[in-house]
Amino acid sequence: MTKRMIVPLLFGLLGAAILMSLGKWQLDRLAWKENILSQIDARIGDAPVALPETPDPEADKYMPVTVTGTFEPRGLRVLASRKIIGAGHRIITVLDVDGRQIMVDRGFLKNGDAPGAFPDGPVTVVGNLHWPDEISNFTPEPDIDGGLWFARQVPDMAATLNTEPVLIVARSITPADPAISPWPVDSSGIPNDHRSYAITWFSLAAIWLGMTGLLLWRIRRQQV
């Protein structure tokens, strides 16, 4: 090996080492994220408890609860789409629980379908407390007058419907509305892209080593 080849070799090895360390870091993050997701799934599936007096958006997120109350003829729709089924809306309805006004995400109603009449008496809702983070720079403003929203913005929806900023995403409602299918909380919507990031960094490291090898080969050819 000539002196002219030493610098490119060292540069290539250093660059590959940095890229591979970034890939290893992403694998560590993947293991951490999968552990977090398993904890979330375990909490979602716990036995439901009574609704807390003052639910906390951080401490009580995903808490399984059960409540019995009466649906109010007030609510809104959130534009949504489900695989295979197609476009529709999440149906958000106000539930009166012993004088407390909260919101229930009753589930998905397909476009063209009509919900059934509200039950005459009490309903029992089993679900999970949730404060979704669905807003992005591209989310349109809600059509408040038309009752159409494009993301579940719990504080804003609560202000519009004059309820507590509490949303229960139903797993089951008794009696049920056959037209509305529950769309319960799970961890599938939580981003976990660390595996693809790791593959990207390791691929870049391989390309970097390949380009380094090509450069060294060309230098060697020039010296022959």
Protein backbone atom coordinates (compact mmCIF):
# COMPACT_ATOMS: atom_id res chain seq x y z
CA MET A 1 0.00 0.00 0.00
CA THR A 2 1.32 3.40 -0.99
CA LYS A 3 1.19 6.62 1.03
CA ARG A 4 -1.34 8.00 -1.46
CA MET A 5 -3.78 5.26 -0.47
CA ILE A 6 -3.50 5.70 3.31
CA VAL A 7 -5.61 8.87 3.60
CA PRO A 8 -8.56 7.58 1.49
CA LEU A 9 -8.43 4.28 3.40
CA LEU A 10 -8.52 5.98 6.79
CA PHE A 11 -11.25 8.34 5.62
CA GLY A 12 -13.29 5.43 4.30
CA LEU A 13 -12.92 3.36 7.48
CA LEU A 14 -13.77 6.34 9.69
CA GLY A 15 -16.85 7.22 7.66
CA ALA A 16 -18.07 3.62 7.64
CA ALA A 17 -17.51 3.35 11.39
CA ILE A 18 -19.59 6.49 11.99
CA LEU A 19 -22.41 5.25 9.76
CA MET A 20 -22.41 1.81 11.41
CA SER A 21 -22.47 3.39 14.88
CA LEU A 22 -25.56 5.37 13.81
CA GLY A 23 -27.15 2.11 12.64
CA LYS A 24 -26.33 0.45 15.97
CA TRP A 25 -27.85 3.44 17.80
CA GLN A 26 -31.07 3.01 15.82
CA LEU A 27 -31.19 -0.69 16.73
CA ASP A 28 -30.87 0.28 20.40
CA ARG A 29 -33.67 2.79 19.92
CA LEU A 30 -35.76 0.08 18.23
CA ALA A 31 -35.43 -2.18 21.28
CA TRP A 32 -36.35 0.73 23.56
CA LYS A 33 -39.37 1.68 21.44
CA GLU A 34 -40.64 -1.89 21.22
CA ASN A 35 -40.48 -2.12 25.02
CA ILE A 36 -42.47 1.12 25.33
CA LEU A 37 -45.07 -0.15 22.85
CA SER A 38 -45.44 -3.42 24.72
CA GLN A 39 -46.05 -1.47 27.93
CA ILE A 40 -48.67 0.67 26.16
CA ASP A 41 -50.41 -2.43 24.76
CA ALA A 42 -50.41 -4.00 28.22
CA ARG A 43 -51.98 -0.89 29.74
CA ILE A 44 -54.59 -0.62 26.98
CA GLY A 45 -55.68 -4.18 27.67
CA ASP A 46 -55.88 -3.84 31.47
CA ALA A 47 -59.17 -4.28 33.28
CA PRO A 48 -61.24 -1.08 33.02
CA VAL A 49 -61.64 1.15 36.08
CA ALA A 50 -63.94 4.01 37.00
CA LEU A 51 -63.42 7.35 35.26
CA PRO A 52 -61.07 9.55 37.35
CA GLU A 53 -62.42 12.84 38.65
CA THR A 54 -59.74 14.88 36.90
CA PRO A 55 -58.04 12.78 34.21
CA ASP A 56 -54.50 13.86 33.34
CA PRO A 57 -53.55 13.85 29.63
CA GLU A 58 -50.09 12.47 30.42
CA ALA A 59 -50.53 10.19 33.43
CA ASP A 60 -53.90 8.79 32.34
CA LYS A 61 -53.35 8.40 28.61
CA TYR A 62 -54.57 4.97 27.43
CA MET A 63 -56.17 4.23 30.83
CA PRO A 64 -58.97 1.65 30.35
CA VAL A 65 -62.21 2.91 31.87
CA THR A 66 -65.87 2.00 32.05
CA VAL A 67 -68.69 4.51 32.42
CA THR A 68 -72.45 4.45 32.28
CA GLY A 69 -74.36 7.48 31.10
CA THR A 70 -76.76 8.91 28.57
CA PHE A 71 -75.85 10.06 25.08
CA GLU A 72 -76.70 13.69 24.36
CA PRO A 73 -77.86 14.73 20.87
CA ARG A 74 -74.64 16.70 20.44
CA GLY A 75 -71.48 15.67 18.69
CA LEU A 76 -69.29 15.96 15.65
CA ARG A 77 -67.65 13.90 12.94
CA VAL A 78 -63.94 13.44 12.25
CA LEU A 79 -62.94 12.57 8.70
CA ALA A 80 -61.28 9.16 8.61
CA SER A 81 -60.56 6.16 6.44
CA ARG A 82 -60.09 2.47 7.17
CA LYS A 83 -58.32 -0.16 5.11
CA ILE A 84 -60.63 -2.30 2.97
CA ILE A 85 -63.70 -0.44 4.29
CA GLY A 86 -62.88 2.97 2.78
CA ALA A 87 -63.75 6.54 3.73
CA GLY A 88 -66.02 7.60 6.55
CA HIS A 89 -66.00 9.39 9.87
CA ARG A 90 -65.25 8.85 13.51
CA ILE A 91 -68.42 9.67 15.42
CA ILE A 92 -67.81 11.76 18.53
CA THR A 93 -70.83 12.08 20.85
CA VAL A 94 -71.37 13.81 24.19
CA LEU A 95 -72.05 11.46 27.10
CA ASP A 96 -73.65 12.64 30.32
CA VAL A 97 -72.22 10.72 33.27
CA ASP A 98 -73.99 11.75 36.48
CA GLY A 99 -73.92 15.37 35.42
CA ARG A 100 -70.41 15.24 33.91
CA GLN A 101 -70.25 15.97 30.21
CA ILE A 102 -67.50 14.06 28.41
CA MET A 103 -66.87 12.91 24.84
CA VAL A 104 -67.00 9.37 23.46
CA ASP A 105 -65.40 8.29 20.20
CA ARG A 106 -68.07 5.73 19.32
CA GLY A 107 -66.19 4.37 16.30
CA PHE A 108 -66.28 4.42 12.52
CA LEU A 109 -69.29 5.16 10.32
CA LYS A 110 -68.80 4.41 6.63
CA ASN A 111 -69.73 7.06 4.07
CA GLY A 112 -73.30 6.55 2.95
CA ASP A 113 -74.37 4.79 6.14
CA ALA A 114 -76.65 6.42 8.67
CA PRO A 115 -76.30 5.99 12.43
CA GLY A 116 -79.16 4.52 14.38
CA ALA A 117 -81.29 6.44 16.86
CA PHE A 118 -79.83 7.19 20.26
CA PRO A 119 -80.79 4.65 22.93
CA ASP A 120 -83.70 5.77 25.11
CA GLY A 121 -81.88 4.94 28.33
CA PRO A 122 -78.35 4.63 29.70
CA VAL A 123 -75.44 3.12 27.80
CA THR A 124 -72.31 1.49 29.18
CA VAL A 125 -69.05 2.43 27.48
CA VAL A 126 -65.82 0.47 27.89
CA GLY A 127 -62.80 2.09 26.32
CA ASN A 128 -59.58 4.01 26.82
CA LEU A 129 -58.86 7.60 27.69
CA HIS A 130 -57.00 9.24 24.85
CA TRP A 131 -55.66 12.63 23.86
CA PRO A 132 -54.54 12.01 20.26
CA ASP A 133 -51.81 14.10 18.68
CA GLU A 134 -53.06 14.20 15.09
CA ILE A 135 -52.39 17.81 14.09
CA SER A 136 -49.86 18.63 11.40
CA ASN A 137 -49.07 21.70 9.31
CA PHE A 138 -51.35 20.31 6.61
CA THR A 139 -54.41 19.68 8.79
CA PRO A 140 -57.30 21.91 7.65
CA GLU A 141 -59.23 23.98 10.14
CA PRO A 142 -62.44 22.28 11.31
CA ASP A 143 -65.80 23.19 9.85
CA ILE A 144 -67.34 23.90 13.23
CA ASP A 145 -70.71 24.98 11.87
CA GLY A 146 -70.95 21.80 9.80
CA GLY A 147 -69.66 19.61 12.60
CA LEU A 148 -66.82 18.25 10.45
CA TRP A 149 -63.29 17.96 11.83
CA PHE A 150 -60.11 16.64 10.25
CA ALA A 151 -58.32 15.54 13.42
CA ARG A 152 -59.29 14.75 16.99
CA GLN A 153 -58.32 17.91 18.85
CA VAL A 154 -59.59 17.11 22.34
CA PRO A 155 -59.33 20.59 23.94
CA ASP A 156 -60.86 22.31 20.91
CA MET A 157 -63.60 19.71 20.49
CA ALA A 158 -64.43 20.01 24.19
CA ALA A 159 -64.68 23.79 23.90
CA THR A 160 -67.00 23.44 20.90
CA LEU A 161 -69.23 20.83 22.55
CA ASN A 162 -69.03 22.44 26.01
CA THR A 163 -67.67 19.32 27.73
CA GLU A 164 -64.70 18.36 29.87
CA PRO A 165 -61.53 17.86 27.78
CA VAL A 166 -61.94 14.11 28.17
CA LEU A 167 -62.28 11.63 25.31
CA ILE A 168 -63.02 7.93 25.72
CA VAL A 169 -62.27 5.86 22.63
CA ALA A 170 -64.82 3.05 22.88
CA ARG A 171 -63.95 -0.62 22.73
CA SER A 172 -67.55 -1.56 23.25
CA ILE A 173 -70.85 0.22 23.83
CA THR A 174 -73.92 -1.48 25.27
CA PRO A 175 -76.42 -1.25 23.68
CA ALA A 176 -74.47 -0.95 20.44
CA ASP A 177 -75.29 0.86 17.20
CA PRO A 178 -74.82 -1.72 14.39
CA ALA A 179 -73.93 1.01 11.89
CA ILE A 180 -70.98 2.27 13.96
CA SER A 181 -68.05 -0.12 14.38
CA PRO A 182 -65.77 0.54 17.38
CA TRP A 183 -62.28 1.66 16.45
CA PRO A 184 -60.40 1.13 19.71
CA VAL A 185 -57.03 2.47 20.74
CA ASP A 186 -53.94 0.40 19.97
CA SER A 187 -50.23 1.07 19.50
CA SER A 188 -50.25 0.62 15.72
CA GLY A 189 -50.60 4.37 15.17
CA ILE A 190 -47.49 5.21 17.21
CA PRO A 191 -44.53 5.77 14.85
CA ASN A 192 -41.73 3.22 15.08
CA ASP A 193 -39.38 3.76 12.16
CA HIS A 194 -36.11 2.82 13.89
CA ARG A 195 -35.72 -0.45 11.96
CA SER A 196 -35.88 1.31 8.59
CA TYR A 197 -33.50 4.01 9.87
CA ALA A 198 -31.03 1.32 10.97
CA ILE A 199 -31.21 -0.39 7.57
CA THR A 200 -30.57 2.99 5.91
CA TRP A 201 -27.46 3.70 7.99
CA PHE A 202 -26.03 0.20 7.50
CA SER A 203 -26.71 0.44 3.75
CA LEU A 204 -24.91 3.78 3.59
CA ALA A 205 -21.97 2.23 5.45
CA ALA A 206 -21.80 -0.58 2.89
CA ILE A 207 -21.97 1.92 0.01
CA TRP A 208 -19.30 4.05 1.69
CA LEU A 209 -16.97 1.03 1.98
CA GLY A 210 -17.72 0.07 -1.61
CA MET A 211 -16.87 3.56 -2.88
CA THR A 212 -13.73 3.56 -0.76
CA GLY A 213 -12.68 0.24 -2.26
CA LEU A 214 -13.36 1.58 -5.77
CA LEU A 215 -11.28 4.70 -5.08
CA LEU A 216 -8.37 2.63 -3.75
CA TRP A 217 -8.56 0.36 -6.79
CA ARG A 218 -8.38 3.37 -9.14
CA ILE A 219 -5.45 4.84 -7.25
CA ARG A 220 -3.65 1.52 -7.46
CA ARG A 221 -4.37 1.26 -11.21
CA GLN A 222 -2.92 4.71 -11.77
CA GLN A 223 0.27 3.71 -10.01
CA VAL A 224 0.84 0.57 -12.01
